[in-house]
Amino acid sequence: MTMKIVSKQELMTMPVGTPFAEYTGGFWPDGFDIFAGSTCSDVEDFYFRSIATAESEDMYEMIGRHEGMAAYGDSYPVDLTISREGMYDPNTRYLVWEPDDVRRIVNLLLGATKDDRD
């Protein structure tokens, strides 16, 4: 299997480490987050790790770092802090990358020059 679109309930049953992006219909996601587990509550909510922001102590430092990266080419470590989704909308759908996709992507990130499907 490969990429597919799932419900929030389905995402919350997937293994920790599953890459996902919110799917809003008609618009393909620009990037992805990493599923980090369901919350231990009665609400439909989950934890995730974003890979799209620089490590920072607060929102102001984050904005400053993003501006520095854009204007001056500054470099900062990625912020892999666990966050809570907190939207509570059971109708939200997500694009998920399944294990075979992840293996192929990691292979390329580690320097492979070809995908096994090339």
Foldseek 3Di string as FASTA:
>chain_A
DWKDKFFLVVVQPDDFQWWKDWDPPPDDDPGTWTFHHADPDPFSKGKIFGQPWFDDDDPVVRVVVVVCCVPPVDDGHTGRDIDIPPPRDRGIMMIITDPVRVVQVVCVVVPDPDGPVD
